[in-house]
Amino acid sequence: MRLVHVTDPHLTDLDGVGFFDLRGKRWSGYISWHKNRRKKYLPAVLERLVTAVKAENADQLLLTGDLAQIGLIKEIEQAGRWLGELGPVEQVMLVPGNHDVYAHGSADNVQREWAKYLFHDLGSGSDDFPVVRKLEGVSLIGLSSACVTPVFTASGKLGQEQLERLSVLLEQAATERQLVCLLIHHPPLPGMTNRRKGLADAAALQAILEPFPPMLVFHGHLHHNREQQWGDSRIYCTSAASSISDASYRVIDIEDNGEFRSFRMALKSLAMESGDELEFATVDEQTWQLQK
């Protein structure tokens, strides 16, 4: 099985946004975009990354949020069209980021416009996180840490109900001997970033994960390539997909050899080839094996 992780594309533009669109926290977000973000996160880079990702022929594309800038309905609709071009629903799994659920009203619009990419167990009629997708011995579990926060903060929260449902899913996956891959926007464990950007209930999440730790965790939010090993768990953060400096994606191949599972992770990052063409090259590669 081949998984590809992409995060923080920040693909939407704020051209033509008016005064009355920028109430409350959106003022600071717009200023940040206008002064900095629109120069650092470029559509041309994202377009080239998407072309490279499609060529990987992944079984599942894992997208961990921040498609938007300040969560306006205009942006959410624009991102919805982009999702439709990215790939079919059955091959793309999405969890939202803090810039998607940026202000009051954003969450409702995200759920309405992106529902088929967010909620995969549609037969149950549920539109609550966590969501799970099972295939070939792997359980892909998506969490939503996105919530509205005060100005100048970018923290996240899961909440008690989501944590309790996650505990049930992890125990069920262990009983079924499923390999668990967890998707979340914010860094999942305490101490992985500062309080302003962190997950408010990271300690509670860690306690839920300890009895049944996932083999793989993918997150975004930090806009840099990072990794951490937690027991047998590998936790990967991938750089922003539209970053002019280090746009990246990860390719993870999983092979079931009966008694063992073999893993290969390749990190592919932006490289300027001759003629200033945007290309992606492998900058890190890891292989490991775990007993089932």
C-alpha atoms as a PDB file:
ATOM      1  CA  MET A   1       0.000   0.000   0.000  1.00  0.00           C
ATOM      2  CA  ARG A   2       1.209   3.470  -0.816  1.00  0.00           C
ATOM      3  CA  LEU A   3       0.249   6.528   1.252  1.00  0.00           C
ATOM      4  CA  VAL A   4       1.171  10.126   0.432  1.00  0.00           C
ATOM      5  CA  HIS A   5       1.058  12.902   3.035  1.00  0.00           C
ATOM      6  CA  VAL A   6       0.404  16.511   1.994  1.00  0.00           C
ATOM      7  CA  THR A   7      -0.384  19.375   4.347  1.00  0.00           C
ATOM      8  CA  ASP A   8      -0.887  23.143   4.682  1.00  0.00           C
ATOM      9  CA  PRO A   9      -1.322  24.044   1.003  1.00  0.00           C
ATOM     10  CA  HIS A  10      -2.775  27.485   1.901  1.00  0.00           C
ATOM     11  CA  LEU A  11      -4.125  27.517  -1.625  1.00  0.00           C
ATOM     12  CA  THR A  12      -6.805  30.203  -1.436  1.00  0.00           C
ATOM     13  CA  ASP A  13      -6.414  33.863  -2.381  1.00  0.00           C
ATOM     14  CA  LEU A  14      -7.931  36.882  -0.636  1.00  0.00           C
ATOM     15  CA  ASP A  15      -8.062  39.146  -3.668  1.00  0.00           C
ATOM     16  CA  GLY A  16     -11.195  41.259  -3.640  1.00  0.00           C
ATOM     17  CA  VAL A  17     -11.959  40.649   0.040  1.00  0.00           C
ATOM     18  CA  GLY A  18     -13.877  43.632   1.406  1.00  0.00           C
ATOM     19  CA  PHE A  19     -13.963  45.571   4.659  1.00  0.00           C
ATOM     20  CA  PHE A  20     -17.038  43.761   5.997  1.00  0.00           C
ATOM     21  CA  ASP A  21     -15.411  40.357   5.429  1.00  0.00           C
ATOM     22  CA  LEU A  22     -12.665  41.164   7.932  1.00  0.00           C
ATOM     23  CA  ARG A  23     -14.386  41.400  11.268  1.00  0.00           C
ATOM     24  CA  GLY A  24     -12.681  40.226  14.433  1.00  0.00           C
ATOM     25  CA  LYS A  25      -9.746  37.858  14.131  1.00  0.00           C
ATOM     26  CA  ARG A  26      -9.853  37.917  10.335  1.00  0.00           C
ATOM     27  CA  TRP A  27      -8.229  41.386  10.343  1.00  0.00           C
ATOM     28  CA  SER A  28      -4.965  40.038  11.742  1.00  0.00           C
ATOM     29  CA  GLY A  29      -5.091  37.016   9.442  1.00  0.00           C
ATOM     30  CA  TYR A  30      -5.608  39.190   6.386  1.00  0.00           C
ATOM     31  CA  ILE A  31      -2.699  41.463   7.333  1.00  0.00           C
ATOM     32  CA  SER A  32      -0.448  38.434   7.831  1.00  0.00           C
ATOM     33  CA  TRP A  33      -1.460  37.071   4.420  1.00  0.00           C
ATOM     34  CA  HIS A  34      -1.035  40.416   2.662  1.00  0.00           C
ATOM     35  CA  LYS A  35       2.388  41.184   4.160  1.00  0.00           C
ATOM     36  CA  ASN A  36       3.919  37.712   4.284  1.00  0.00           C
ATOM     37  CA  ARG A  37       1.977  34.595   3.373  1.00  0.00           C
ATOM     38  CA  ARG A  38       1.048  35.498  -0.191  1.00  0.00           C
ATOM     39  CA  LYS A  39       4.774  35.894  -0.968  1.00  0.00           C
ATOM     40  CA  LYS A  40       5.829  32.628   0.712  1.00  0.00           C
ATOM     41  CA  TYR A  41       3.067  30.238  -0.340  1.00  0.00           C
ATOM     42  CA  LEU A  42       2.658  30.254  -4.104  1.00  0.00           C
ATOM     43  CA  PRO A  43       0.039  28.648  -6.374  1.00  0.00           C
ATOM     44  CA  ALA A  44       2.727  27.688  -8.919  1.00  0.00           C
ATOM     45  CA  VAL A  45       4.599  25.668  -6.289  1.00  0.00           C
ATOM     46  CA  LEU A  46       1.425  23.885  -5.176  1.00  0.00           C
ATOM     47  CA  GLU A  47       0.459  23.150  -8.773  1.00  0.00           C
ATOM     48  CA  ARG A  48       3.814  21.488  -9.419  1.00  0.00           C
ATOM     49  CA  LEU A  49       3.608  19.524  -6.156  1.00  0.00           C
ATOM     50  CA  VAL A  50       0.149  18.216  -7.058  1.00  0.00           C
ATOM     51  CA  THR A  51       1.470  17.080 -10.448  1.00  0.00           C
ATOM     52  CA  ALA A  52       4.316  15.232  -8.699  1.00  0.00           C
ATOM     53  CA  VAL A  53       1.955  13.696  -6.128  1.00  0.00           C
ATOM     54  CA  LYS A  54      -0.422  12.392  -8.793  1.00  0.00           C
ATOM     55  CA  ALA A  55       2.520  10.692 -10.497  1.00  0.00           C
ATOM     56  CA  GLU A  56       3.170   8.698  -7.291  1.00  0.00           C
ATOM     57  CA  ASN A  57      -0.034   6.673  -7.869  1.00  0.00           C
ATOM     58  CA  ALA A  58      -0.886   6.567  -4.173  1.00  0.00           C
ATOM     59  CA  ASP A  59      -3.605   4.328  -2.794  1.00  0.00           C
ATOM     60  CA  GLN A  60      -4.488   7.099  -0.333  1.00  0.00           C
ATOM     61  CA  LEU A  61      -3.644  10.793  -0.273  1.00  0.00           C
ATOM     62  CA  LEU A  62      -3.653  12.047   3.319  1.00  0.00           C
ATOM     63  CA  LEU A  63      -4.310  15.785   3.658  1.00  0.00           C
ATOM     64  CA  THR A  64      -3.955  17.341   7.115  1.00  0.00           C
ATOM     65  CA  GLY A  65      -5.585  20.736   6.744  1.00  0.00           C
ATOM     66  CA  ASP A  66      -5.048  24.459   6.238  1.00  0.00           C
ATOM     67  CA  LEU A  67      -6.366  24.727   2.725  1.00  0.00           C
ATOM     68  CA  ALA A  68      -7.622  28.258   3.480  1.00  0.00           C
ATOM     69  CA  GLN A  69      -6.183  31.484   4.932  1.00  0.00           C
ATOM     70  CA  ILE A  70      -8.940  32.974   7.121  1.00  0.00           C
ATOM     71  CA  GLY A  71     -11.867  30.606   6.647  1.00  0.00           C
ATOM     72  CA  LEU A  72     -14.123  32.767   4.454  1.00  0.00           C
ATOM     73  CA  ILE A  73     -16.914  31.063   2.507  1.00  0.00           C
ATOM     74  CA  LYS A  74     -15.268  32.291  -0.712  1.00  0.00           C
ATOM     75  CA  GLU A  75     -12.091  30.418   0.261  1.00  0.00           C
ATOM     76  CA  ILE A  76     -13.878  27.282   1.380  1.00  0.00           C
ATOM     77  CA  GLU A  77     -15.714  27.088  -1.945  1.00  0.00           C
ATOM     78  CA  GLN A  78     -12.445  27.667  -3.831  1.00  0.00           C
ATOM     79  CA  ALA A  79     -10.744  24.904  -1.829  1.00  0.00           C
ATOM     80  CA  GLY A  80     -13.699  22.610  -2.500  1.00  0.00           C
ATOM     81  CA  ARG A  81     -13.148  22.983  -6.248  1.00  0.00           C
ATOM     82  CA  TRP A  82      -9.441  22.255  -5.739  1.00  0.00           C
ATOM     83  CA  LEU A  83     -10.287  19.074  -3.817  1.00  0.00           C
ATOM     84  CA  GLY A  84     -12.450  17.956  -6.707  1.00  0.00           C
ATOM     85  CA  GLU A  85      -9.457  18.291  -9.032  1.00  0.00           C
ATOM     86  CA  LEU A  86      -7.039  16.661  -6.577  1.00  0.00           C
ATOM     87  CA  GLY A  87      -8.547  13.200  -6.668  1.00  0.00           C
ATOM     88  CA  PRO A  88     -11.618  11.027  -6.107  1.00  0.00           C
ATOM     89  CA  VAL A  89     -13.231  10.939  -2.676  1.00  0.00           C
ATOM     90  CA  GLU A  90     -12.320   7.301  -2.111  1.00  0.00           C
ATOM     91  CA  GLN A  91      -8.592   8.118  -2.467  1.00  0.00           C
ATOM     92  CA  VAL A  92      -8.364  11.439  -0.591  1.00  0.00           C
ATOM     93  CA  MET A  93      -8.740  11.693   3.190  1.00  0.00           C
ATOM     94  CA  LEU A  94      -8.911  15.161   4.741  1.00  0.00           C
ATOM     95  CA  VAL A  95      -8.871  16.592   8.258  1.00  0.00           C
ATOM     96  CA  PRO A  96      -9.307  20.364   8.771  1.00  0.00           C
ATOM     97  CA  GLY A  97      -6.739  22.849  10.073  1.00  0.00           C
ATOM     98  CA  ASN A  98      -7.012  25.970  12.204  1.00  0.00           C
ATOM     99  CA  HIS A  99      -6.985  28.272   9.158  1.00  0.00           C
ATOM    100  CA  ASP A 100      -9.985  26.388   7.758  1.00  0.00           C
ATOM    101  CA  VAL A 101     -12.002  26.776  10.970  1.00  0.00           C
ATOM    102  CA  TYR A 102     -10.670  30.284  11.529  1.00  0.00           C
ATOM    103  CA  ALA A 103     -13.672  32.233  12.823  1.00  0.00           C
ATOM    104  CA  HIS A 104     -17.309  31.769  13.776  1.00  0.00           C
ATOM    105  CA  GLY A 105     -19.235  30.297  10.850  1.00  0.00           C
ATOM    106  CA  SER A 106     -16.198  28.696   9.220  1.00  0.00           C
ATOM    107  CA  ALA A 107     -16.828  25.226  10.658  1.00  0.00           C
ATOM    108  CA  ASP A 108     -20.379  25.020   9.280  1.00  0.00           C
ATOM    109  CA  ASN A 109     -19.196  26.045   5.824  1.00  0.00           C
ATOM    110  CA  VAL A 110     -16.301  23.565   5.920  1.00  0.00           C
ATOM    111  CA  GLN A 111     -18.620  20.718   6.891  1.00  0.00           C
ATOM    112  CA  ARG A 112     -21.092  21.603   4.160  1.00  0.00           C
ATOM    113  CA  GLU A 113     -18.620  22.193   1.304  1.00  0.00           C
ATOM    114  CA  TRP A 114     -16.017  19.510   2.104  1.00  0.00           C
ATOM    115  CA  ALA A 115     -18.267  16.870   3.701  1.00  0.00           C
ATOM    116  CA  LYS A 116     -17.517  14.049   1.263  1.00  0.00           C
ATOM    117  CA  TYR A 117     -13.764  14.465   1.843  1.00  0.00           C
ATOM    118  CA  LEU A 118     -14.071  14.833   5.618  1.00  0.00           C
ATOM    119  CA  PHE A 119     -16.578  12.131   6.521  1.00  0.00           C
ATOM    120  CA  HIS A 120     -15.886   8.799   4.891  1.00  0.00           C
ATOM    121  CA  ASP A 121     -18.162   6.480   6.841  1.00  0.00           C
ATOM    122  CA  LEU A 122     -21.153   7.963   5.058  1.00  0.00           C
ATOM    123  CA  GLY A 123     -23.259   4.843   5.527  1.00  0.00           C
ATOM    124  CA  SER A 124     -23.521   5.557   9.249  1.00  0.00           C
ATOM    125  CA  GLY A 125     -24.968   8.996   8.695  1.00  0.00           C
ATOM    126  CA  SER A 126     -22.328  10.396  11.050  1.00  0.00           C
ATOM    127  CA  ASP A 127     -20.602  13.715  10.535  1.00  0.00           C
ATOM    128  CA  ASP A 128     -18.516  13.572  13.709  1.00  0.00           C
ATOM    129  CA  PHE A 129     -14.806  13.022  14.225  1.00  0.00           C
ATOM    130  CA  PRO A 130     -12.915  10.823  14.526  1.00  0.00           C
ATOM    131  CA  VAL A 131     -13.508   9.229  11.140  1.00  0.00           C
ATOM    132  CA  VAL A 132     -12.021   5.909  10.075  1.00  0.00           C
ATOM    133  CA  ARG A 133     -11.275   4.262   6.753  1.00  0.00           C
ATOM    134  CA  LYS A 134     -10.196   0.609   6.714  1.00  0.00           C
ATOM    135  CA  LEU A 135      -8.319  -1.055   3.885  1.00  0.00           C
ATOM    136  CA  GLU A 136      -5.818  -3.893   3.512  1.00  0.00           C
ATOM    137  CA  GLY A 137      -5.076  -4.280   7.207  1.00  0.00           C
ATOM    138  CA  VAL A 138      -4.710  -0.537   7.815  1.00  0.00           C
ATOM    139  CA  SER A 139      -7.067   1.748   9.751  1.00  0.00           C
ATOM    140  CA  LEU A 140      -6.740   5.391   8.743  1.00  0.00           C
ATOM    141  CA  ILE A 141      -8.167   7.480  11.597  1.00  0.00           C
ATOM    142  CA  GLY A 142      -8.757  11.203  11.166  1.00  0.00           C
ATOM    143  CA  LEU A 143      -9.080  13.640  14.071  1.00  0.00           C
ATOM    144  CA  SER A 144     -10.213  17.256  13.997  1.00  0.00           C
ATOM    145  CA  SER A 145      -8.175  19.600  16.195  1.00  0.00           C
ATOM    146  CA  ALA A 146      -9.490  22.695  14.390  1.00  0.00           C
ATOM    147  CA  CYS A 147     -11.422  25.199  16.479  1.00  0.00           C
ATOM    148  CA  VAL A 148     -11.931  28.957  16.702  1.00  0.00           C
ATOM    149  CA  THR A 149      -9.300  30.618  18.895  1.00  0.00           C
ATOM    150  CA  PRO A 150      -8.591  34.196  20.063  1.00  0.00           C
ATOM    151  CA  VAL A 151      -6.515  36.663  18.048  1.00  0.00           C
ATOM    152  CA  PHE A 152      -2.798  35.800  17.790  1.00  0.00           C
ATOM    153  CA  THR A 153      -3.344  32.169  18.829  1.00  0.00           C
ATOM    154  CA  ALA A 154      -3.362  29.080  16.620  1.00  0.00           C
ATOM    155  CA  SER A 155      -3.962  26.317  19.137  1.00  0.00           C
ATOM    156  CA  GLY A 156      -6.200  23.303  18.686  1.00  0.00           C
ATOM    157  CA  LYS A 157      -8.450  21.068  20.756  1.00  0.00           C
ATOM    158  CA  LEU A 158     -10.016  17.639  20.354  1.00  0.00           C
ATOM    159  CA  GLY A 159     -12.494  17.627  23.228  1.00  0.00           C
ATOM    160  CA  GLN A 160     -13.573  14.815  25.529  1.00  0.00           C
ATOM    161  CA  GLU A 161     -16.177  13.257  23.226  1.00  0.00           C
ATOM    162  CA  GLN A 162     -13.749  12.917  20.335  1.00  0.00           C
ATOM    163  CA  LEU A 163     -11.092  11.451  22.630  1.00  0.00           C
ATOM    164  CA  GLU A 164     -13.538   8.886  23.994  1.00  0.00           C
ATOM    165  CA  ARG A 165     -14.575   7.794  20.506  1.00  0.00           C
ATOM    166  CA  LEU A 166     -10.902   7.566  19.506  1.00  0.00           C
ATOM    167  CA  SER A 167     -10.217   5.237  22.434  1.00  0.00           C
ATOM    168  CA  VAL A 168     -12.915   2.862  21.180  1.00  0.00           C
ATOM    169  CA  LEU A 169     -11.547   2.911  17.628  1.00  0.00           C
ATOM    170  CA  LEU A 170      -7.988   2.211  18.772  1.00  0.00           C
ATOM    171  CA  GLU A 171      -9.066  -0.739  20.902  1.00  0.00           C
ATOM    172  CA  GLN A 172     -11.143  -2.096  18.029  1.00  0.00           C
ATOM    173  CA  ALA A 173      -8.188  -1.764  15.608  1.00  0.00           C
ATOM    174  CA  ALA A 174      -5.945  -3.613  18.067  1.00  0.00           C
ATOM    175  CA  THR A 175      -8.488  -6.430  18.379  1.00  0.00           C
ATOM    176  CA  GLU A 176      -8.633  -6.695  14.582  1.00  0.00           C
ATOM    177  CA  ARG A 177      -4.806  -6.509  14.348  1.00  0.00           C
ATOM    178  CA  GLN A 178      -5.076  -3.446  12.124  1.00  0.00           C
ATOM    179  CA  LEU A 179      -2.140  -1.089  11.664  1.00  0.00           C
ATOM    180  CA  VAL A 180      -3.281   2.382  12.740  1.00  0.00           C
ATOM    181  CA  CYS A 181      -2.338   5.544  10.872  1.00  0.00           C
ATOM    182  CA  LEU A 182      -3.497   8.726  12.621  1.00  0.00           C
ATOM    183  CA  LEU A 183      -4.153  12.057  10.880  1.00  0.00           C
ATOM    184  CA  ILE A 184      -4.323  15.343  12.820  1.00  0.00           C
ATOM    185  CA  HIS A 185      -3.488  18.942  11.989  1.00  0.00           C
ATOM    186  CA  HIS A 186      -1.761  19.987  15.227  1.00  0.00           C
ATOM    187  CA  PRO A 187       1.292  18.230  16.715  1.00  0.00           C
ATOM    188  CA  PRO A 188      -0.215  15.409  18.801  1.00  0.00           C
ATOM    189  CA  LEU A 189       2.012  15.174  21.885  1.00  0.00           C
ATOM    190  CA  PRO A 190       2.962  17.599  24.665  1.00  0.00           C
ATOM    191  CA  GLY A 191       6.109  19.661  24.096  1.00  0.00           C
ATOM    192  CA  MET A 192       6.130  19.400  20.293  1.00  0.00           C
ATOM    193  CA  THR A 193       5.455  23.132  19.906  1.00  0.00           C
ATOM    194  CA  ASN A 194       4.668  26.146  22.088  1.00  0.00           C
ATOM    195  CA  ARG A 195       1.381  26.711  23.869  1.00  0.00           C
ATOM    196  CA  ARG A 196       0.201  29.340  21.378  1.00  0.00           C
ATOM    197  CA  LYS A 197       0.314  26.813  18.547  1.00  0.00           C
ATOM    198  CA  GLY A 198      -0.142  23.586  20.470  1.00  0.00           C
ATOM    199  CA  LEU A 199      -2.912  21.107  21.088  1.00  0.00           C
ATOM    200  CA  ALA A 200      -4.648  22.097  24.313  1.00  0.00           C
ATOM    201  CA  ASP A 201      -5.461  18.500  25.259  1.00  0.00           C
ATOM    202  CA  ALA A 202      -2.231  16.909  24.011  1.00  0.00           C
ATOM    203  CA  ALA A 203      -1.634  15.242  27.383  1.00  0.00           C
ATOM    204  CA  ALA A 204      -5.102  13.675  27.269  1.00  0.00           C
ATOM    205  CA  LEU A 205      -4.471  12.457  23.719  1.00  0.00           C
ATOM    206  CA  GLN A 206      -1.158  10.915  24.768  1.00  0.00           C
ATOM    207  CA  ALA A 207      -2.918   9.017  27.561  1.00  0.00           C
ATOM    208  CA  ILE A 208      -5.449   7.652  25.048  1.00  0.00           C
ATOM    209  CA  LEU A 209      -2.691   6.598  22.626  1.00  0.00           C
ATOM    210  CA  GLU A 210      -0.410   4.874  25.144  1.00  0.00           C
ATOM    211  CA  PRO A 211      -2.365   1.555  25.458  1.00  0.00           C
ATOM    212  CA  PHE A 212      -2.763   1.219  21.660  1.00  0.00           C
ATOM    213  CA  PRO A 213      -0.135   3.420  19.986  1.00  0.00           C
ATOM    214  CA  PRO A 214      -0.545   4.092  16.257  1.00  0.00           C
ATOM    215  CA  MET A 215       2.286   2.977  14.006  1.00  0.00           C
ATOM    216  CA  LEU A 216       2.156   6.167  11.938  1.00  0.00           C
ATOM    217  CA  VAL A 217       1.035   9.720  12.754  1.00  0.00           C
ATOM    218  CA  PHE A 218       0.917  12.544  10.202  1.00  0.00           C
ATOM    219  CA  HIS A 219       0.367  16.196  11.084  1.00  0.00           C
ATOM    220  CA  GLY A 220       1.009  19.661   9.719  1.00  0.00           C
ATOM    221  CA  HIS A 221       0.684  23.158  11.216  1.00  0.00           C
ATOM    222  CA  LEU A 222       4.403  23.793  11.795  1.00  0.00           C
ATOM    223  CA  HIS A 223       5.327  24.331   8.114  1.00  0.00           C
ATOM    224  CA  HIS A 224       8.594  22.398   8.487  1.00  0.00           C
ATOM    225  CA  ASN A 225       9.733  18.833   7.922  1.00  0.00           C
ATOM    226  CA  ARG A 226      10.109  17.150  11.289  1.00  0.00           C
ATOM    227  CA  GLU A 227       9.933  13.651  12.685  1.00  0.00           C
ATOM    228  CA  GLN A 228       9.804  12.064  16.089  1.00  0.00           C
ATOM    229  CA  GLN A 229       9.886   8.450  17.189  1.00  0.00           C
ATOM    230  CA  TRP A 230       7.633   7.619  20.147  1.00  0.00           C
ATOM    231  CA  GLY A 231       8.176   3.986  21.026  1.00  0.00           C
ATOM    232  CA  ASP A 232       7.467   2.141  17.770  1.00  0.00           C
ATOM    233  CA  SER A 233       5.342   5.050  16.520  1.00  0.00           C
ATOM    234  CA  ARG A 234       6.743   7.341  13.838  1.00  0.00           C
ATOM    235  CA  ILE A 235       5.343  10.884  13.939  1.00  0.00           C
ATOM    236  CA  TYR A 236       5.858  12.930  10.784  1.00  0.00           C
ATOM    237  CA  CYS A 237       5.263  16.629  10.123  1.00  0.00           C
ATOM    238  CA  THR A 238       5.580  17.720   6.494  1.00  0.00           C
ATOM    239  CA  SER A 239       6.360  21.200   5.229  1.00  0.00           C
ATOM    240  CA  ALA A 240       3.673  23.406   3.682  1.00  0.00           C
ATOM    241  CA  ALA A 241       2.765  22.164   0.215  1.00  0.00           C
ATOM    242  CA  SER A 242       2.960  25.607  -1.408  1.00  0.00           C
ATOM    243  CA  SER A 243       6.082  26.923   0.358  1.00  0.00           C
ATOM    244  CA  ILE A 244       8.558  28.595  -2.002  1.00  0.00           C
ATOM    245  CA  SER A 245      11.402  27.550   0.303  1.00  0.00           C
ATOM    246  CA  ASP A 246      10.756  23.872   1.097  1.00  0.00           C
ATOM    247  CA  ALA A 247       7.412  22.590  -0.193  1.00  0.00           C
ATOM    248  CA  SER A 248       7.368  18.835   0.461  1.00  0.00           C
ATOM    249  CA  TYR A 249       5.367  15.639   0.507  1.00  0.00           C
ATOM    250  CA  ARG A 250       6.004  12.181   1.946  1.00  0.00           C
ATOM    251  CA  VAL A 251       5.557   8.803   0.286  1.00  0.00           C
ATOM    252  CA  ILE A 252       5.070   5.831   2.622  1.00  0.00           C
ATOM    253  CA  ASP A 253       5.018   2.286   1.256  1.00  0.00           C
ATOM    254  CA  ILE A 254       3.718  -0.486   3.520  1.00  0.00           C
ATOM    255  CA  GLU A 255       4.207  -4.157   2.666  1.00  0.00           C
ATOM    256  CA  ASP A 256       2.684  -7.017   4.639  1.00  0.00           C
ATOM    257  CA  ASN A 257       5.116  -9.942   4.674  1.00  0.00           C
ATOM    258  CA  GLY A 258       3.000 -12.211   6.851  1.00  0.00           C
ATOM    259  CA  GLU A 259       4.888 -12.170  10.133  1.00  0.00           C
ATOM    260  CA  PHE A 260       6.307  -8.676   9.571  1.00  0.00           C
ATOM    261  CA  ARG A 261       5.312  -5.362   8.049  1.00  0.00           C
ATOM    262  CA  SER A 262       7.945  -3.488   6.067  1.00  0.00           C
ATOM    263  CA  PHE A 263       7.919   0.309   5.741  1.00  0.00           C
ATOM    264  CA  ARG A 264       9.648   2.742   3.431  1.00  0.00           C
ATOM    265  CA  MET A 265       9.332   6.527   3.816  1.00  0.00           C
ATOM    266  CA  ALA A 266      10.624   8.951   1.199  1.00  0.00           C
ATOM    267  CA  LEU A 267      10.552  12.705   1.841  1.00  0.00           C
ATOM    268  CA  LYS A 268      10.438  14.686  -1.390  1.00  0.00           C
ATOM    269  CA  SER A 269      11.149  18.426  -1.327  1.00  0.00           C
ATOM    270  CA  LEU A 270      11.307  21.329  -3.725  1.00  0.00           C
ATOM    271  CA  ALA A 271      14.467  21.566  -5.818  1.00  0.00           C
ATOM    272  CA  MET A 272      15.293  24.165  -8.469  1.00  0.00           C
ATOM    273  CA  GLU A 273      16.560  22.327 -11.522  1.00  0.00           C
ATOM    274  CA  SER A 274      18.238  23.838 -14.565  1.00  0.00           C
ATOM    275  CA  GLY A 275      16.156  26.558 -16.143  1.00  0.00           C
ATOM    276  CA  ASP A 276      14.572  27.360 -12.784  1.00  0.00           C
ATOM    277  CA  GLU A 277      11.961  24.639 -13.251  1.00  0.00           C
ATOM    278  CA  LEU A 278      10.199  23.541 -10.085  1.00  0.00           C
ATOM    279  CA  GLU A 279      10.982  19.900  -9.388  1.00  0.00           C
ATOM    280  CA  PHE A 280      10.818  17.603  -6.364  1.00  0.00           C
ATOM    281  CA  ALA A 281      13.731  15.441  -5.248  1.00  0.00           C
ATOM    282  CA  THR A 282      14.110  12.816  -2.521  1.00  0.00           C
ATOM    283  CA  VAL A 283      15.948  14.392   0.418  1.00  0.00           C
ATOM    284  CA  ASP A 284      15.427  11.654   3.006  1.00  0.00           C
ATOM    285  CA  GLU A 285      14.637   7.961   2.854  1.00  0.00           C
ATOM    286  CA  GLN A 286      14.028   5.482   5.676  1.00  0.00           C
ATOM    287  CA  THR A 287      13.206   1.786   5.835  1.00  0.00           C
ATOM    288  CA  TRP A 288      12.195  -0.290   8.841  1.00  0.00           C
ATOM    289  CA  GLN A 289      10.346  -3.452   9.773  1.00  0.00           C
ATOM    290  CA  LEU A 290       8.014  -4.364  12.621  1.00  0.00           C
ATOM    291  CA  GLN A 291       6.624  -7.670  13.778  1.00  0.00           C
ATOM    292  CA  LYS A 292       2.853  -7.936  13.460  1.00  0.00           C
END
